[in-house]
Amino acid sequence: MTKMKKLSLLLFGFIFLIGCRKEPFVNPPVSVNENLKISTSVGIKLESQFVTSEVAMNVKTETSQTVTIKIFDIANRVVSKSTSDVKSGDNILKVYTSALPSSAYRIGLFDSAGNLLGITDFNKL
């Protein structure tokens, strides 16, 4: 084999190995509009305090985990409950409220141990 062929094969192999190298997975940053920004490291914030059928919500945590989101009525009874897997940092989720009657509500964010991470109020129109 000629020197040129060996060099070409070596170069091709090197490029192939570099091209096939798996990059570590990095979560892209979530774009958060001004209405959903949370200044603390943990919390919950709704895009609007006045809701018709759905509203965007930012859930912010320090670690990736499964969280529980509970909606409480004015008598502090749970009227809706769901779980979501979130990553550390900002997580934009949707809250669907069309099944709820018009009233005032409170929405709480809980970790897997049941600890309250954040709470906020909203009015269903």
Protein backbone atom coordinates (compact mmCIF):
# COMPACT_ATOMS: atom_id res chain seq x y z
CA MET A 1 0.00 0.00 0.00
CA THR A 2 1.37 3.39 -0.84
CA LYS A 3 2.08 6.03 1.74
CA MET A 4 -0.70 8.22 0.34
CA LYS A 5 -3.31 5.44 0.65
CA LYS A 6 -2.25 4.70 4.25
CA LEU A 7 -2.44 8.36 5.15
CA SER A 8 -5.86 8.67 3.47
CA LEU A 9 -7.20 5.62 5.34
CA LEU A 10 -5.82 6.89 8.64
CA LEU A 11 -7.35 10.33 8.05
CA PHE A 12 -10.69 8.78 7.01
CA GLY A 13 -10.73 6.60 10.16
CA PHE A 14 -9.96 9.57 12.39
CA ILE A 15 -12.73 11.68 10.80
CA PHE A 16 -15.15 8.74 11.08
CA LEU A 17 -14.40 8.26 14.78
CA ILE A 18 -14.76 11.97 15.53
CA GLY A 19 -18.02 12.13 13.56
CA CYS A 20 -19.49 9.14 15.40
CA ARG A 21 -18.55 10.37 18.85
CA LYS A 22 -21.65 10.83 20.96
CA GLU A 23 -22.00 14.28 22.51
CA PRO A 24 -23.30 14.45 26.08
CA PHE A 25 -26.99 15.40 26.24
CA VAL A 26 -27.58 18.89 27.50
CA ASN A 27 -31.10 20.22 28.04
CA PRO A 28 -31.61 23.31 25.92
CA PRO A 29 -32.64 26.34 27.96
CA VAL A 30 -36.38 26.96 28.12
CA SER A 31 -37.51 30.29 26.76
CA VAL A 32 -39.58 31.94 29.50
CA ASN A 33 -41.60 35.06 28.73
CA GLU A 34 -41.75 37.91 31.25
CA ASN A 35 -45.16 36.84 32.62
CA LEU A 36 -43.75 33.45 33.66
CA LYS A 37 -40.33 34.36 35.07
CA ILE A 38 -39.59 33.16 38.60
CA SER A 39 -36.77 34.96 40.41
CA THR A 40 -36.26 32.26 43.07
CA SER A 41 -34.77 28.79 42.50
CA VAL A 42 -38.06 26.97 43.25
CA GLY A 43 -41.66 27.96 42.66
CA ILE A 44 -44.78 28.09 40.56
CA LYS A 45 -46.18 30.96 38.53
CA LEU A 46 -49.20 31.26 36.28
CA GLU A 47 -49.13 33.39 33.14
CA SER A 48 -52.35 35.09 34.28
CA GLN A 49 -54.38 35.14 37.48
CA PHE A 50 -57.58 35.15 35.39
CA VAL A 51 -58.23 31.90 33.54
CA THR A 52 -60.92 30.70 31.15
CA SER A 53 -60.11 27.21 29.80
CA GLU A 54 -56.31 26.93 30.08
CA VAL A 55 -53.27 28.85 31.26
CA ALA A 56 -49.51 28.46 30.92
CA MET A 57 -47.59 27.79 34.11
CA ASN A 58 -43.90 27.82 34.98
CA VAL A 59 -42.80 25.17 37.46
CA LYS A 60 -39.25 25.75 38.66
CA THR A 61 -37.27 23.22 40.69
CA GLU A 62 -33.65 22.73 41.73
CA THR A 63 -33.53 19.07 40.65
CA SER A 64 -35.16 16.82 38.07
CA GLN A 65 -38.04 15.06 39.76
CA THR A 66 -41.70 14.07 39.64
CA VAL A 67 -43.93 16.79 41.05
CA THR A 68 -47.60 16.83 41.95
CA ILE A 69 -49.79 19.77 41.00
CA LYS A 70 -52.97 20.17 43.04
CA ILE A 71 -55.80 22.63 42.52
CA PHE A 72 -57.76 23.54 45.65
CA ASP A 73 -61.21 25.13 45.77
CA ILE A 74 -62.21 27.94 48.11
CA ALA A 75 -62.95 25.39 50.88
CA ASN A 76 -59.36 24.07 50.49
CA ARG A 77 -60.52 20.74 48.99
CA VAL A 78 -58.47 19.19 46.19
CA VAL A 79 -60.51 19.42 42.98
CA SER A 80 -57.76 18.40 40.56
CA LYS A 81 -54.47 16.55 40.92
CA SER A 82 -51.82 15.58 38.39
CA THR A 83 -48.16 14.59 38.31
CA SER A 84 -45.45 15.72 35.90
CA ASP A 85 -41.80 14.85 35.41
CA VAL A 86 -39.80 18.09 35.42
CA LYS A 87 -36.15 18.92 34.93
CA SER A 88 -34.17 21.30 37.07
CA GLY A 89 -34.87 24.92 36.22
CA ASP A 90 -37.87 26.27 34.33
CA ASN A 91 -40.60 23.96 33.01
CA ILE A 92 -43.49 25.43 31.03
CA LEU A 93 -46.70 23.39 31.49
CA LYS A 94 -50.37 23.93 30.65
CA VAL A 95 -53.16 23.91 33.22
CA TYR A 96 -56.58 23.01 31.80
CA THR A 97 -59.48 24.45 33.76
CA SER A 98 -62.51 24.12 31.48
CA ALA A 99 -64.07 21.47 33.78
CA LEU A 100 -63.92 23.80 36.80
CA PRO A 101 -66.84 26.09 37.65
CA SER A 102 -66.22 29.83 37.87
CA SER A 103 -64.65 30.53 41.27
CA ALA A 104 -61.40 31.33 43.06
CA TYR A 105 -58.79 28.56 43.25
CA ARG A 106 -55.34 27.90 44.62
CA ILE A 107 -52.77 25.80 42.78
CA GLY A 108 -49.94 24.12 44.67
CA LEU A 109 -46.71 22.43 43.63
CA PHE A 110 -45.48 19.49 45.73
CA ASP A 111 -42.38 17.28 45.52
CA SER A 112 -42.55 13.47 45.68
CA ALA A 113 -42.34 13.57 49.50
CA GLY A 114 -45.39 15.85 49.67
CA ASN A 115 -43.44 19.00 50.57
CA LEU A 116 -44.96 22.24 49.30
CA LEU A 117 -42.64 23.91 46.77
CA GLY A 118 -44.90 26.78 45.77
CA ILE A 119 -48.48 27.99 45.74
CA THR A 120 -50.45 30.67 43.88
CA ASP A 121 -54.05 31.76 43.40
CA PHE A 122 -56.17 32.18 40.26
CA ASN A 123 -59.74 33.00 39.32
CA LYS A 124 -61.65 30.82 36.84
CA LEU A 125 -63.86 33.07 34.73
